[in-house]
Amino acid sequence: MARQRGNSPTHRIPVAFSSRHWGILLLIIAALCPSPVYTQGRSVDVLITVVKDRVVALPGGGSPVEEPLGVNETIVTASAHGPAGLAQTTRRLLGFSSALHRWTEVQLGVEEQVEQHQVLPRMLLVQTNRRVHGFQESRGHWFSEALGPNETVHQLHGRGHVAVAITPERALAFSAFTGGFFSIRFSPNEQVQSIDQTHDVTVIRTTVRQLAFRSQIGLWTEMR
């Protein structure tokens, strides 16, 4: 009977406390040591280059990602900033996502001409004579907003996670996080005076009000 007392609840208490202490110690070690998951998920820079009949993305890690060009299709411009890359051809726009390790395209329309673009680490903004195109690097997805028949973009501003296109009729905001374009119309005779930006907020001051757009909210806020 004496040998069986080692299995009693009284004798299991030190073992329980020992396991508990080991668990706490392991949590402390995990907190102090770099996380492998975080290291693998860290953003890397990408370089875009053209090799014969294809455009190639060279991210900091992993294999190169090639996108073949069509017959008589040529590269107009190619650039990258951080993990996001852009290649404009005579037929389409190509956005590269290092997060997803892939190219995504949007076709240019007939007589659609690219006029200006912004390449930011987390997104791309391309303005043509017909549309404004935005690419989210984290999702690897293009969004497009059509311009009116006589609507022209006068200003294009991008910083961090927010970009805006200004026309005489409205302001178009695009975020690296929220989907699509967010438009707000100007009132008659309302003129833009200044634009202030941080990495996550854009404030437009006009002759009658202030308009704020935040990257993770996905709507315009009006302040008078």
Protein backbone atom coordinates (compact mmCIF):
# COMPACT_ATOMS: atom_id res chain seq x y z
CA MET A 1 0.00 0.00 0.00
CA ALA A 2 2.87 2.39 0.77
CA ARG A 3 4.13 2.22 -2.81
CA GLN A 4 0.76 3.32 -4.15
CA ARG A 5 0.79 6.62 -2.21
CA GLY A 6 3.03 8.18 -4.86
CA ASN A 7 -0.03 8.30 -7.15
CA SER A 8 -2.19 10.18 -4.68
CA PRO A 9 -3.29 13.82 -5.41
CA THR A 10 -0.95 15.05 -2.66
CA HIS A 11 2.11 13.76 -4.49
CA ARG A 12 1.00 15.10 -7.93
CA ILE A 13 1.03 18.75 -6.83
CA PRO A 14 4.81 19.34 -7.31
CA VAL A 15 4.62 17.78 -10.81
CA ALA A 16 1.72 20.07 -11.75
CA PHE A 17 3.54 23.13 -10.55
CA SER A 18 6.67 22.09 -12.43
CA SER A 19 4.73 21.76 -15.73
CA ARG A 20 3.13 25.12 -15.14
CA HIS A 21 6.48 26.79 -14.59
CA TRP A 22 7.86 25.21 -17.75
CA GLY A 23 4.90 26.56 -19.73
CA ILE A 24 5.51 30.09 -18.42
CA LEU A 25 9.22 29.81 -19.19
CA LEU A 26 8.50 28.72 -22.78
CA LEU A 27 6.14 31.67 -23.27
CA ILE A 28 8.85 34.07 -22.06
CA ILE A 29 11.41 32.53 -24.43
CA ALA A 30 8.97 32.77 -27.36
CA ALA A 31 8.32 36.43 -26.60
CA LEU A 32 12.03 37.29 -26.45
CA CYS A 33 13.09 35.32 -29.53
CA PRO A 34 12.27 36.47 -33.11
CA SER A 35 9.14 34.82 -34.46
CA PRO A 36 9.75 32.60 -37.52
CA VAL A 37 6.25 33.45 -38.81
CA TYR A 38 6.92 37.17 -38.63
CA THR A 39 10.27 36.77 -40.35
CA GLN A 40 8.74 34.83 -43.22
CA GLY A 41 5.88 37.32 -43.59
CA ARG A 42 8.19 40.35 -43.72
CA SER A 43 7.86 42.38 -46.91
CA VAL A 44 10.72 42.21 -49.40
CA ASP A 45 11.73 44.46 -52.28
CA VAL A 46 11.09 43.43 -55.84
CA LEU A 47 12.92 44.36 -59.05
CA ILE A 48 11.15 44.36 -62.42
CA THR A 49 13.11 43.63 -65.57
CA VAL A 50 12.42 42.64 -69.18
CA VAL A 51 13.98 39.54 -70.71
CA LYS A 52 13.28 39.07 -74.44
CA ASP A 53 9.55 38.40 -74.77
CA ARG A 54 8.60 38.45 -71.10
CA VAL A 55 8.59 40.69 -68.04
CA VAL A 56 10.18 39.22 -64.94
CA ALA A 57 9.67 40.07 -61.27
CA LEU A 58 12.65 39.32 -59.03
CA PRO A 59 11.50 39.43 -55.39
CA GLY A 60 13.97 39.31 -52.52
CA GLY A 61 12.96 35.73 -51.78
CA GLY A 62 11.61 32.84 -53.81
CA SER A 63 11.83 32.17 -57.52
CA PRO A 64 11.45 34.76 -60.32
CA VAL A 65 7.92 35.25 -61.62
CA GLU A 66 7.59 35.61 -65.40
CA GLU A 67 4.73 37.10 -67.42
CA PRO A 68 4.93 36.38 -71.17
CA LEU A 69 4.18 39.17 -73.62
CA GLY A 70 1.80 38.70 -76.51
CA VAL A 71 2.57 39.02 -80.18
CA ASN A 72 3.68 42.59 -80.97
CA GLU A 73 3.19 43.54 -77.31
CA THR A 74 5.99 45.68 -75.92
CA ILE A 75 6.89 47.19 -72.54
CA VAL A 76 6.33 50.94 -72.23
CA THR A 77 7.61 51.33 -68.67
CA ALA A 78 8.45 49.15 -65.67
CA SER A 79 9.15 50.17 -62.09
CA ALA A 80 8.93 48.94 -58.51
CA HIS A 81 8.86 50.32 -55.00
CA GLY A 82 9.25 47.92 -52.11
CA PRO A 83 7.12 44.79 -52.61
CA ALA A 84 4.92 46.27 -55.37
CA GLY A 85 5.83 46.35 -59.05
CA LEU A 86 4.29 47.85 -62.19
CA ALA A 87 4.76 47.04 -65.85
CA GLN A 88 2.88 48.99 -68.51
CA THR A 89 2.69 47.44 -71.94
CA THR A 90 1.08 48.61 -75.17
CA ARG A 91 -2.03 46.58 -74.24
CA ARG A 92 -2.34 46.27 -70.48
CA LEU A 93 -1.22 47.13 -66.98
CA LEU A 94 0.55 44.48 -64.94
CA GLY A 95 0.76 44.69 -61.16
CA PHE A 96 3.07 42.46 -59.17
CA SER A 97 2.37 41.38 -55.59
CA SER A 98 5.33 40.06 -53.60
CA ALA A 99 2.90 38.93 -50.89
CA LEU A 100 1.09 36.62 -53.33
CA HIS A 101 4.07 36.07 -55.64
CA ARG A 102 2.10 36.73 -58.81
CA TRP A 103 1.27 39.13 -61.63
CA THR A 104 -2.26 40.47 -62.15
CA GLU A 105 -3.37 42.34 -65.26
CA VAL A 106 -5.96 44.86 -66.35
CA GLN A 107 -6.54 45.40 -70.07
CA LEU A 108 -6.31 48.90 -71.50
CA GLY A 109 -9.24 49.93 -73.64
CA VAL A 110 -9.17 51.05 -77.24
CA GLU A 111 -7.45 54.46 -77.43
CA GLU A 112 -6.90 54.42 -73.66
CA GLN A 113 -3.61 56.15 -72.95
CA VAL A 114 -1.71 56.21 -69.64
CA GLU A 115 -0.99 59.78 -68.57
CA GLN A 116 0.61 59.39 -65.13
CA HIS A 117 1.16 56.85 -62.38
CA GLN A 118 2.28 56.43 -58.78
CA VAL A 119 4.15 53.36 -57.52
CA LEU A 120 4.01 52.92 -53.75
CA PRO A 121 5.15 49.95 -51.64
CA ARG A 122 1.60 48.76 -50.95
CA MET A 123 -0.29 49.95 -54.01
CA LEU A 124 -0.21 51.35 -57.54
CA LEU A 125 -2.25 54.19 -58.99
CA VAL A 126 -2.43 54.66 -62.76
CA GLN A 127 -4.41 57.41 -64.47
CA THR A 128 -5.37 57.27 -68.11
CA ASN A 129 -7.51 59.47 -70.33
CA ARG A 130 -10.45 57.14 -69.66
CA ARG A 131 -10.05 55.65 -66.18
CA VAL A 132 -8.17 55.60 -62.90
CA HIS A 133 -6.75 52.19 -61.96
CA GLY A 134 -5.64 51.13 -58.49
CA PHE A 135 -3.73 48.00 -57.50
CA GLN A 136 -3.53 46.61 -53.96
CA GLU A 137 -0.28 44.73 -53.41
CA SER A 138 -1.55 42.69 -50.44
CA ARG A 139 -4.55 41.38 -52.42
CA GLY A 140 -2.97 41.31 -55.86
CA HIS A 141 -6.10 42.92 -57.28
CA TRP A 142 -6.89 45.81 -59.65
CA PHE A 143 -9.81 48.23 -59.24
CA SER A 144 -10.90 50.68 -61.95
CA GLU A 145 -12.99 53.86 -61.90
CA ALA A 146 -14.29 55.38 -65.14
CA LEU A 147 -13.91 59.10 -65.76
CA GLY A 148 -16.70 61.18 -67.22
CA PRO A 149 -16.73 62.18 -70.92
CA ASN A 150 -15.05 65.53 -70.23
CA GLU A 151 -13.52 64.71 -66.84
CA THR A 152 -9.77 65.10 -66.49
CA VAL A 153 -7.42 64.45 -63.58
CA HIS A 154 -5.59 67.61 -62.54
CA GLN A 155 -3.67 66.21 -59.58
CA LEU A 156 -2.46 62.78 -58.48
CA HIS A 157 -1.08 62.38 -54.97
CA GLY A 158 0.04 59.22 -53.20
CA ARG A 159 1.81 58.49 -49.94
CA GLY A 160 2.02 55.40 -47.79
CA HIS A 161 -1.34 53.63 -47.88
CA VAL A 162 -3.49 56.35 -49.48
CA ALA A 163 -3.63 57.94 -52.93
CA VAL A 164 -6.02 60.53 -54.36
CA ALA A 165 -6.89 61.73 -57.85
CA ILE A 166 -8.40 65.22 -58.13
CA THR A 167 -10.65 66.30 -60.99
CA PRO A 168 -12.72 69.50 -61.29
CA GLU A 169 -15.83 67.49 -60.34
CA ARG A 170 -14.63 65.24 -57.52
CA ALA A 171 -11.90 63.61 -55.46
CA LEU A 172 -11.17 59.89 -55.85
CA ALA A 173 -9.45 58.13 -52.96
CA PHE A 174 -7.79 54.72 -53.07
CA SER A 175 -6.51 52.74 -50.09
CA ALA A 176 -4.11 49.84 -49.76
CA PHE A 177 -6.55 48.17 -47.37
CA THR A 178 -10.16 48.87 -48.34
CA GLY A 179 -11.67 47.79 -51.65
CA GLY A 180 -12.35 50.04 -54.60
CA PHE A 181 -12.35 53.79 -55.15
CA PHE A 182 -14.14 56.22 -52.85
CA SER A 183 -15.49 59.32 -54.55
CA ILE A 184 -16.75 62.63 -53.15
CA ARG A 185 -18.12 65.39 -55.38
CA PHE A 186 -17.30 69.06 -55.14
CA SER A 187 -20.02 71.64 -55.01
CA PRO A 188 -20.29 74.25 -57.81
CA ASN A 189 -17.42 76.76 -57.68
CA GLU A 190 -15.65 74.77 -54.94
CA GLN A 191 -11.89 74.94 -55.47
CA VAL A 192 -9.11 72.80 -53.99
CA GLN A 193 -6.61 74.92 -52.04
CA SER A 194 -4.22 72.36 -50.56
CA ILE A 195 -3.64 68.66 -49.93
CA ASP A 196 -1.92 67.29 -46.82
CA GLN A 197 -0.96 63.65 -46.46
CA THR A 198 0.50 61.20 -43.99
CA HIS A 199 0.95 57.51 -44.69
CA ASP A 200 -2.65 56.81 -43.66
CA VAL A 201 -4.59 60.08 -43.91
CA THR A 202 -5.27 62.59 -46.68
CA VAL A 203 -6.86 65.98 -45.97
CA ILE A 204 -8.10 68.17 -48.84
CA ARG A 205 -8.75 71.82 -48.01
CA THR A 206 -11.15 73.58 -50.34
CA THR A 207 -12.69 77.05 -50.38
CA VAL A 208 -15.69 75.82 -48.36
CA ARG A 209 -14.61 72.81 -46.25
CA GLN A 210 -12.03 70.17 -45.34
CA LEU A 211 -12.33 66.60 -46.57
CA ALA A 212 -10.48 63.77 -44.81
CA PHE A 213 -9.92 60.21 -46.00
CA ARG A 214 -8.35 57.54 -43.78
CA SER A 215 -6.79 54.37 -45.14
CA GLN A 216 -8.62 51.86 -42.95
CA ILE A 217 -12.03 53.56 -42.75
CA GLY A 218 -12.96 53.67 -46.42
CA LEU A 219 -15.06 56.84 -46.44
CA TRP A 220 -14.71 60.60 -46.69
CA THR A 221 -15.28 62.76 -43.61
CA GLU A 222 -16.41 66.34 -44.09
CA MET A 223 -15.35 69.12 -41.70
CA ARG A 224 -16.63 72.69 -41.96
